Amino acid sequence: MCTGTLASLLQSCEMNEDSLNPDITTFPFDIDLSKPEYSSLAVIGGAVYANNPDGNNGNDIIIIRLEQDRFLTVTSICTHQGCSVNLPSSDKPTLFCPCHFAEFSPLTGEVLVQPKLGTASTLPVFRNEFDKSGNKLTVYLPGNG
């Protein structure tokens, strides 16, 4: 487990150790943001689905550009009953689950509106690093299991 100040944590933690949950091994998923399928991430507020079959149990992740150099990366699977969550849109600016109408924050993944029946929890957030010079985003995904 990594210990120390935030600066030393960021510099000294191994790449395969999740800083939020060090008991989970993560795998880097490199995304070239210059590819056409990621063009909507060129603007702040842009969002896309991405997939690495070796991570997140093969489920899509959602990537949202929050600031010029900051992204939110969360699972696309609703924590209520496992349905796929929709990307934010002009009609619905939240991460919306069409199965039971739960809504999640596009800034944090936190639950904003609980489903009609039952409860949901915050969407799992995946650590990421942005290489501005290479226009590459690395997302650290849990393995399949």
C-alpha atoms as a PDB file:
ATOM      1  CA  MET A   1       0.000   0.000   0.000  1.00  0.00           C
ATOM      2  CA  CYS A   2       1.253   3.490  -0.790  1.00  0.00           C
ATOM      3  CA  THR A   3       1.615   5.980   2.045  1.00  0.00           C
ATOM      4  CA  GLY A   4       2.750   9.566   2.343  1.00  0.00           C
ATOM      5  CA  THR A   5       1.735  12.981   1.047  1.00  0.00           C
ATOM      6  CA  LEU A   6      -0.468  13.358  -1.996  1.00  0.00           C
ATOM      7  CA  ALA A   7       2.510  14.462  -4.095  1.00  0.00           C
ATOM      8  CA  SER A   8       4.594  11.480  -3.038  1.00  0.00           C
ATOM      9  CA  LEU A   9       1.635   9.153  -3.608  1.00  0.00           C
ATOM     10  CA  LEU A  10       1.233  10.383  -7.149  1.00  0.00           C
ATOM     11  CA  GLN A  11       4.938   9.940  -7.831  1.00  0.00           C
ATOM     12  CA  SER A  12       5.654   6.698  -6.019  1.00  0.00           C
ATOM     13  CA  CYS A  13       2.597   4.450  -6.336  1.00  0.00           C
ATOM     14  CA  GLU A  14       2.963   1.575  -8.750  1.00  0.00           C
ATOM     15  CA  MET A  15       0.931   1.917 -11.924  1.00  0.00           C
ATOM     16  CA  ASN A  16      -1.014  -1.255 -11.201  1.00  0.00           C
ATOM     17  CA  GLU A  17      -2.192  -0.284  -7.741  1.00  0.00           C
ATOM     18  CA  ASP A  18      -5.504   1.526  -7.494  1.00  0.00           C
ATOM     19  CA  SER A  19      -4.997   4.572  -5.253  1.00  0.00           C
ATOM     20  CA  LEU A  20      -8.648   4.510  -4.144  1.00  0.00           C
ATOM     21  CA  ASN A  21      -8.676   0.788  -3.347  1.00  0.00           C
ATOM     22  CA  PRO A  22      -5.153  -0.662  -3.178  1.00  0.00           C
ATOM     23  CA  ASP A  23      -6.521  -4.221  -2.946  1.00  0.00           C
ATOM     24  CA  ILE A  24      -7.702  -4.008  -6.563  1.00  0.00           C
ATOM     25  CA  THR A  25      -5.231  -4.585  -9.378  1.00  0.00           C
ATOM     26  CA  THR A  26      -5.812  -2.305 -12.340  1.00  0.00           C
ATOM     27  CA  PHE A  27      -4.814  -2.481 -15.981  1.00  0.00           C
ATOM     28  CA  PRO A  28      -3.941   0.555 -18.089  1.00  0.00           C
ATOM     29  CA  PHE A  29      -6.224   1.245 -21.052  1.00  0.00           C
ATOM     30  CA  ASP A  30      -4.546   3.762 -23.386  1.00  0.00           C
ATOM     31  CA  ILE A  31      -6.889   5.887 -25.476  1.00  0.00           C
ATOM     32  CA  ASP A  32      -5.641   8.013 -28.378  1.00  0.00           C
ATOM     33  CA  LEU A  33      -7.951  11.024 -28.210  1.00  0.00           C
ATOM     34  CA  SER A  34      -6.961  12.097 -31.735  1.00  0.00           C
ATOM     35  CA  LYS A  35      -8.938   9.162 -33.206  1.00  0.00           C
ATOM     36  CA  PRO A  36     -12.274  10.126 -34.840  1.00  0.00           C
ATOM     37  CA  GLU A  37     -14.370   8.046 -32.426  1.00  0.00           C
ATOM     38  CA  TYR A  38     -13.214  10.309 -29.585  1.00  0.00           C
ATOM     39  CA  SER A  39     -13.755  13.635 -31.396  1.00  0.00           C
ATOM     40  CA  SER A  40     -16.570  14.687 -29.048  1.00  0.00           C
ATOM     41  CA  LEU A  41     -13.970  14.777 -26.229  1.00  0.00           C
ATOM     42  CA  ALA A  42     -12.282  17.729 -27.948  1.00  0.00           C
ATOM     43  CA  VAL A  43     -14.690  20.040 -26.095  1.00  0.00           C
ATOM     44  CA  ILE A  44     -15.358  20.411 -22.385  1.00  0.00           C
ATOM     45  CA  GLY A  45     -18.525  18.478 -21.589  1.00  0.00           C
ATOM     46  CA  GLY A  46     -17.988  16.016 -24.449  1.00  0.00           C
ATOM     47  CA  ALA A  47     -18.719  12.376 -23.608  1.00  0.00           C
ATOM     48  CA  VAL A  48     -18.144   8.979 -25.229  1.00  0.00           C
ATOM     49  CA  TYR A  49     -18.306   5.281 -24.534  1.00  0.00           C
ATOM     50  CA  ALA A  50     -15.060   3.313 -24.754  1.00  0.00           C
ATOM     51  CA  ASN A  51     -14.328  -0.366 -24.302  1.00  0.00           C
ATOM     52  CA  ASN A  52     -11.380  -2.552 -23.441  1.00  0.00           C
ATOM     53  CA  PRO A  53     -12.525  -6.193 -23.379  1.00  0.00           C
ATOM     54  CA  ASP A  54      -9.754  -7.043 -20.891  1.00  0.00           C
ATOM     55  CA  GLY A  55     -11.018  -4.616 -18.234  1.00  0.00           C
ATOM     56  CA  ASN A  56     -14.211  -3.683 -16.393  1.00  0.00           C
ATOM     57  CA  ASN A  57     -15.597  -7.161 -17.167  1.00  0.00           C
ATOM     58  CA  GLY A  58     -15.799  -6.178 -20.822  1.00  0.00           C
ATOM     59  CA  ASN A  59     -18.338  -3.447 -20.107  1.00  0.00           C
ATOM     60  CA  ASP A  60     -18.120   0.002 -21.662  1.00  0.00           C
ATOM     61  CA  ILE A  61     -16.780   2.909 -19.689  1.00  0.00           C
ATOM     62  CA  ILE A  62     -17.960   6.496 -19.999  1.00  0.00           C
ATOM     63  CA  ILE A  63     -15.411   9.258 -20.502  1.00  0.00           C
ATOM     64  CA  ILE A  64     -16.435  12.884 -19.966  1.00  0.00           C
ATOM     65  CA  ARG A  65     -14.098  15.841 -20.458  1.00  0.00           C
ATOM     66  CA  LEU A  66     -14.552  18.013 -17.355  1.00  0.00           C
ATOM     67  CA  GLU A  67     -11.814  20.579 -18.014  1.00  0.00           C
ATOM     68  CA  GLN A  68      -9.076  21.011 -20.585  1.00  0.00           C
ATOM     69  CA  ASP A  69      -6.812  18.577 -18.697  1.00  0.00           C
ATOM     70  CA  ARG A  70      -9.324  16.645 -16.544  1.00  0.00           C
ATOM     71  CA  PHE A  71     -11.654  13.744 -17.332  1.00  0.00           C
ATOM     72  CA  LEU A  72     -14.226  11.677 -15.468  1.00  0.00           C
ATOM     73  CA  THR A  73     -14.062   7.957 -16.253  1.00  0.00           C
ATOM     74  CA  VAL A  74     -16.841   5.766 -14.843  1.00  0.00           C
ATOM     75  CA  THR A  75     -18.497   2.462 -15.623  1.00  0.00           C
ATOM     76  CA  SER A  76     -21.459   2.573 -17.992  1.00  0.00           C
ATOM     77  CA  ILE A  77     -23.319   0.002 -15.868  1.00  0.00           C
ATOM     78  CA  CYS A  78     -25.975   1.275 -13.474  1.00  0.00           C
ATOM     79  CA  THR A  79     -25.399   0.228  -9.871  1.00  0.00           C
ATOM     80  CA  HIS A  80     -29.118  -0.446  -9.377  1.00  0.00           C
ATOM     81  CA  GLN A  81     -29.740  -3.455 -11.641  1.00  0.00           C
ATOM     82  CA  GLY A  82     -26.968  -3.446 -14.217  1.00  0.00           C
ATOM     83  CA  CYS A  83     -28.571  -1.618 -17.138  1.00  0.00           C
ATOM     84  CA  SER A  84     -26.480   0.543 -19.455  1.00  0.00           C
ATOM     85  CA  VAL A  85     -26.382   4.239 -18.543  1.00  0.00           C
ATOM     86  CA  ASN A  86     -26.909   6.867 -21.263  1.00  0.00           C
ATOM     87  CA  LEU A  87     -24.423   9.628 -21.997  1.00  0.00           C
ATOM     88  CA  PRO A  88     -25.422  13.189 -21.083  1.00  0.00           C
ATOM     89  CA  SER A  89     -27.334  14.984 -23.824  1.00  0.00           C
ATOM     90  CA  SER A  90     -29.015  18.326 -24.393  1.00  0.00           C
ATOM     91  CA  ASP A  91     -32.338  16.666 -23.437  1.00  0.00           C
ATOM     92  CA  LYS A  92     -30.939  14.953 -20.329  1.00  0.00           C
ATOM     93  CA  PRO A  93     -27.676  16.493 -19.024  1.00  0.00           C
ATOM     94  CA  THR A  94     -27.136  13.712 -16.470  1.00  0.00           C
ATOM     95  CA  LEU A  95     -25.915  10.127 -16.800  1.00  0.00           C
ATOM     96  CA  PHE A  96     -29.363   8.570 -17.089  1.00  0.00           C
ATOM     97  CA  CYS A  97     -30.427   4.954 -16.654  1.00  0.00           C
ATOM     98  CA  PRO A  98     -33.451   4.345 -18.887  1.00  0.00           C
ATOM     99  CA  CYS A  99     -34.462   1.110 -17.111  1.00  0.00           C
ATOM    100  CA  HIS A 100     -35.576   2.563 -13.777  1.00  0.00           C
ATOM    101  CA  PHE A 101     -34.845   6.291 -14.222  1.00  0.00           C
ATOM    102  CA  ALA A 102     -31.836   6.701 -11.919  1.00  0.00           C
ATOM    103  CA  GLU A 103     -29.686   9.753 -12.672  1.00  0.00           C
ATOM    104  CA  PHE A 104     -25.995  10.257 -11.917  1.00  0.00           C
ATOM    105  CA  SER A 105     -23.812  13.349 -11.865  1.00  0.00           C
ATOM    106  CA  PRO A 106     -21.743  13.839 -15.044  1.00  0.00           C
ATOM    107  CA  LEU A 107     -19.118  15.519 -12.834  1.00  0.00           C
ATOM    108  CA  THR A 108     -18.658  12.850 -10.146  1.00  0.00           C
ATOM    109  CA  GLY A 109     -20.788   9.777 -10.922  1.00  0.00           C
ATOM    110  CA  GLU A 110     -22.772  10.329  -7.705  1.00  0.00           C
ATOM    111  CA  VAL A 111     -26.482   9.466  -7.575  1.00  0.00           C
ATOM    112  CA  LEU A 112     -28.653  12.531  -8.150  1.00  0.00           C
ATOM    113  CA  VAL A 113     -32.005  10.750  -8.511  1.00  0.00           C
ATOM    114  CA  GLN A 114     -32.661   7.289  -7.112  1.00  0.00           C
ATOM    115  CA  PRO A 115     -34.434   4.707  -9.306  1.00  0.00           C
ATOM    116  CA  LYS A 116     -38.227   4.450  -9.043  1.00  0.00           C
ATOM    117  CA  LEU A 117     -37.894   1.285  -6.934  1.00  0.00           C
ATOM    118  CA  GLY A 118     -34.809   0.386  -4.900  1.00  0.00           C
ATOM    119  CA  THR A 119     -31.561   2.276  -4.599  1.00  0.00           C
ATOM    120  CA  ALA A 120     -28.424   2.927  -6.609  1.00  0.00           C
ATOM    121  CA  SER A 121     -24.962   3.936  -5.447  1.00  0.00           C
ATOM    122  CA  THR A 122     -22.280   6.117  -7.015  1.00  0.00           C
ATOM    123  CA  LEU A 123     -20.981   4.788 -10.330  1.00  0.00           C
ATOM    124  CA  PRO A 124     -17.486   3.332  -9.879  1.00  0.00           C
ATOM    125  CA  VAL A 125     -14.910   5.943 -10.915  1.00  0.00           C
ATOM    126  CA  PHE A 126     -11.690   4.816 -12.584  1.00  0.00           C
ATOM    127  CA  ARG A 127      -8.418   6.645 -12.087  1.00  0.00           C
ATOM    128  CA  ASN A 128      -7.047   8.240 -15.232  1.00  0.00           C
ATOM    129  CA  GLU A 129      -4.028  10.213 -16.407  1.00  0.00           C
ATOM    130  CA  PHE A 130      -3.968  12.625 -19.328  1.00  0.00           C
ATOM    131  CA  ASP A 131      -0.842  13.130 -21.464  1.00  0.00           C
ATOM    132  CA  LYS A 132      -1.530  16.490 -23.069  1.00  0.00           C
ATOM    133  CA  SER A 133       1.502  16.406 -25.389  1.00  0.00           C
ATOM    134  CA  GLY A 134       0.487  13.002 -26.811  1.00  0.00           C
ATOM    135  CA  ASN A 135      -3.278  13.658 -26.551  1.00  0.00           C
ATOM    136  CA  LYS A 136      -3.556  10.297 -24.776  1.00  0.00           C
ATOM    137  CA  LEU A 137      -5.761   9.323 -21.857  1.00  0.00           C
ATOM    138  CA  THR A 138      -4.807   6.296 -19.762  1.00  0.00           C
ATOM    139  CA  VAL A 139      -7.645   4.791 -17.745  1.00  0.00           C
ATOM    140  CA  TYR A 140      -6.852   2.240 -15.036  1.00  0.00           C
ATOM    141  CA  LEU A 141      -9.540  -0.452 -15.202  1.00  0.00           C
ATOM    142  CA  PRO A 142     -10.165  -3.387 -12.900  1.00  0.00           C
ATOM    143  CA  GLY A 143      -9.547  -6.716 -14.581  1.00  0.00           C
ATOM    144  CA  ASN A 144     -12.210  -9.202 -15.505  1.00  0.00           C
ATOM    145  CA  GLY A 145     -13.263 -11.479 -12.759  1.00  0.00           C
END
